[in-house]
Protein backbone atom coordinates (compact mmCIF):
# COMPACT_ATOMS: atom_id res chain seq x y z
CA MET A 1 -29.17 20.74 -47.27
CA SER A 2 -29.65 23.00 -50.27
CA PRO A 3 -26.79 23.66 -52.68
CA THR A 4 -24.97 26.98 -52.54
CA PRO A 5 -26.28 29.13 -55.38
CA SER A 6 -23.87 30.08 -58.14
CA SER A 7 -23.27 33.80 -58.61
CA SER A 8 -24.75 33.50 -62.11
CA TYR A 9 -28.07 32.70 -60.45
CA ALA A 10 -27.94 35.50 -57.89
CA SER A 11 -30.11 38.59 -58.18
CA GLN A 12 -28.31 41.59 -59.66
CA PRO A 13 -30.14 44.76 -58.66
CA VAL A 14 -29.48 48.01 -60.51
CA LEU A 15 -30.32 51.13 -58.52
CA ALA A 16 -31.36 53.41 -61.38
CA GLU A 17 -32.24 56.28 -59.04
CA ARG A 18 -28.53 56.53 -58.17
CA MET A 19 -27.43 56.64 -61.82
CA PRO A 20 -27.10 59.85 -63.81
CA TRP A 21 -29.00 60.29 -67.08
CA ILE A 22 -26.41 59.67 -69.80
CA PRO A 23 -26.81 62.04 -72.77
CA MET A 24 -26.91 60.35 -76.16
CA THR A 25 -25.51 61.73 -79.41
CA SER A 26 -28.81 63.36 -80.46
CA PRO A 27 -30.15 66.31 -78.43
CA GLY A 28 -33.08 65.61 -76.14
CA LEU A 29 -32.19 61.95 -75.55
CA SER A 30 -30.63 60.31 -72.49
CA PHE A 31 -30.65 56.88 -70.89
CA LYS A 32 -29.88 54.84 -67.80
CA PRO A 33 -28.61 51.37 -68.69
CA LEU A 34 -30.22 48.48 -66.86
CA ARG A 35 -28.82 45.52 -68.82
CA PHE A 36 -26.85 44.67 -71.94
CA PHE A 37 -27.54 41.08 -72.93
CA LYS A 38 -24.61 38.76 -73.55
CA ASP A 39 -23.60 37.83 -77.07
CA GLY A 40 -25.01 41.06 -78.51
CA GLY A 41 -28.57 40.00 -77.78
CA GLY A 42 -29.90 43.46 -76.99
CA TRP A 43 -30.29 45.95 -74.18
CA MET A 44 -32.70 47.22 -71.58
CA TYR A 45 -32.66 50.76 -70.30
CA LEU A 46 -34.66 53.70 -69.08
CA PHE A 47 -34.95 56.08 -72.02
CA ARG A 48 -35.69 59.78 -71.41
CA LEU A 49 -36.79 62.09 -74.22
CA GLU A 50 -37.52 65.79 -73.92
CA PRO A 51 -40.80 67.28 -75.20
CA GLY A 52 -40.87 67.64 -78.99
CA THR A 53 -38.09 65.11 -79.58
CA VAL A 54 -38.64 63.00 -82.70
CA ILE A 55 -37.31 59.48 -83.10
CA PRO A 56 -36.62 59.22 -86.83
CA LEU A 57 -37.74 56.42 -89.11
CA HIS A 58 -36.09 53.18 -87.95
CA ARG A 59 -36.37 49.41 -88.15
CA HIS A 60 -35.71 46.91 -85.36
CA THR A 61 -33.75 43.79 -86.30
CA GLY A 62 -35.20 42.03 -83.23
CA GLU A 63 -38.32 42.58 -81.19
CA SER A 64 -38.68 45.62 -78.95
CA HIS A 65 -40.86 46.23 -75.89
CA ALA A 66 -41.53 49.77 -74.61
CA PHE A 67 -43.49 50.65 -71.48
CA ASN A 68 -44.33 54.33 -70.84
CA LEU A 69 -43.49 55.28 -67.26
CA SER A 70 -44.31 58.97 -67.71
CA GLY A 71 -45.04 61.42 -70.50
CA THR A 72 -46.69 60.78 -73.86
CA ARG A 73 -45.64 59.98 -77.39
CA GLU A 74 -47.39 59.86 -80.72
CA LEU A 75 -46.74 57.02 -83.17
CA LEU A 76 -46.31 58.93 -86.42
CA ASP A 77 -47.40 56.09 -88.70
CA THR A 78 -50.77 55.56 -86.96
CA GLY A 79 -51.36 58.77 -84.99
CA GLU A 80 -51.92 56.79 -81.78
CA VAL A 81 -50.91 58.58 -78.58
CA ILE A 82 -49.35 56.40 -75.89
CA GLY A 83 -49.44 57.75 -72.33
CA PRO A 84 -48.25 56.59 -68.91
CA GLY A 85 -48.90 52.89 -68.41
CA GLY A 86 -49.06 52.28 -72.17
CA TYR A 87 -47.08 49.46 -73.72
CA VAL A 88 -45.93 49.08 -77.33
CA TYR A 89 -44.62 45.81 -78.79
CA GLU A 90 -42.61 46.06 -82.01
CA PRO A 91 -41.86 42.79 -83.78
CA ALA A 92 -38.57 42.25 -85.61
CA GLY A 93 -38.67 44.15 -88.90
CA ASN A 94 -41.12 46.79 -87.63
CA VAL A 95 -40.54 50.23 -89.15
CA ASP A 96 -41.79 53.30 -87.30
CA SER A 97 -41.17 56.84 -86.15
CA TRP A 98 -42.60 58.72 -83.19
CA ARG A 99 -42.40 61.99 -81.25
CA VAL A 100 -42.78 63.14 -77.69
CA THR A 101 -45.97 65.14 -77.14
CA GLY A 102 -47.02 67.31 -74.23
CA THR A 103 -44.90 69.42 -71.90
CA GLU A 104 -43.16 66.81 -69.77
CA PRO A 105 -40.30 64.45 -70.65
CA LEU A 106 -41.17 60.95 -71.80
CA VAL A 107 -39.56 58.13 -69.79
CA LEU A 108 -39.77 54.62 -71.24
CA LEU A 109 -38.59 51.25 -70.03
CA ILE A 110 -37.17 49.77 -73.24
CA ASN A 111 -36.14 46.17 -73.91
CA THR A 112 -34.68 45.83 -77.40
CA ARG A 113 -33.37 42.64 -78.94
CA GLY A 114 -31.03 42.87 -81.90
CA GLY A 115 -30.12 46.26 -83.31
CA VAL A 116 -31.76 49.33 -84.78
CA GLU A 117 -31.41 50.50 -88.38
CA TYR A 118 -32.14 54.19 -89.00
CA LEU A 119 -33.67 54.76 -92.42
CA THR A 120 -33.74 57.53 -95.01
CA ALA A 121 -37.07 58.67 -96.50
CA ASP A 122 -36.61 56.17 -99.35
CA GLY A 123 -35.97 53.27 -96.95
CA GLN A 124 -32.19 53.03 -97.21
CA VAL A 125 -30.21 52.27 -94.03
CA SER A 126 -28.35 55.44 -93.00
CA ARG A 127 -27.02 54.11 -89.67
CA HIS A 128 -27.04 50.79 -87.85
CA VAL A 129 -26.76 50.63 -84.05
CA THR A 130 -25.91 47.29 -82.43
CA PRO A 131 -26.05 46.23 -78.77
CA ALA A 132 -22.23 46.27 -78.79
CA ASP A 133 -22.35 49.91 -79.96
CA ARG A 134 -24.67 50.83 -77.07
CA LEU A 135 -22.46 49.03 -74.53
CA GLU A 136 -19.31 50.69 -75.87
CA PHE A 137 -20.99 54.11 -75.79
CA TYR A 138 -21.87 53.51 -72.11
CA ARG A 139 -18.32 52.29 -71.31
CA LYS A 140 -16.71 55.35 -72.95
CA TRP A 141 -19.11 57.74 -71.22
CA CYS A 142 -18.20 56.23 -67.84
CA GLU A 143 -14.48 56.61 -68.57
CA ALA A 144 -14.85 60.21 -69.79
CA ASN A 145 -17.01 61.24 -66.82
CA GLY A 146 -15.26 59.43 -63.97
CA GLN A 147 -18.23 57.14 -63.35
CA ALA A 148 -17.96 53.50 -62.39
CA PHE A 149 -18.68 51.15 -65.28
CA LEU A 150 -21.22 48.65 -63.95
CA ALA A 151 -19.80 45.43 -65.34
CA THR A 152 -22.80 43.56 -63.90
CA LEU A 153 -24.85 45.10 -66.70
CA GLU A 154 -23.20 42.93 -69.35
């Protein structure tokens, strides 16, 4: 007889197609949360960016993984263009900036550990975003828009 599985070991599906795109504070950016990792460890979400949107200079405090589902982006430090099916790994401490190219929105599957520090042109931190900040933004958006907060995401 096999033991009854604990709920902490059960699958926790997230049906992203049923979720609305949640607008972020900057124009042209929205997301669908898939997971916020416990103890502030990071987040995973679908990230949608409209054509021409630029992600400003930033540094990751933990590693980041980004898989292009659709659309293209140009890494502004190297000029590389990443299209559908492309994957970019950014180690902790990586500094970069990129922009959406082409005429269709870019949709990425992003898994970020740690936080993100946005930088000025001279390398000073202008804003720091933590996993707790992202989770709280999601929670407040749900409250303000009458949407269910998916507690299984944390």
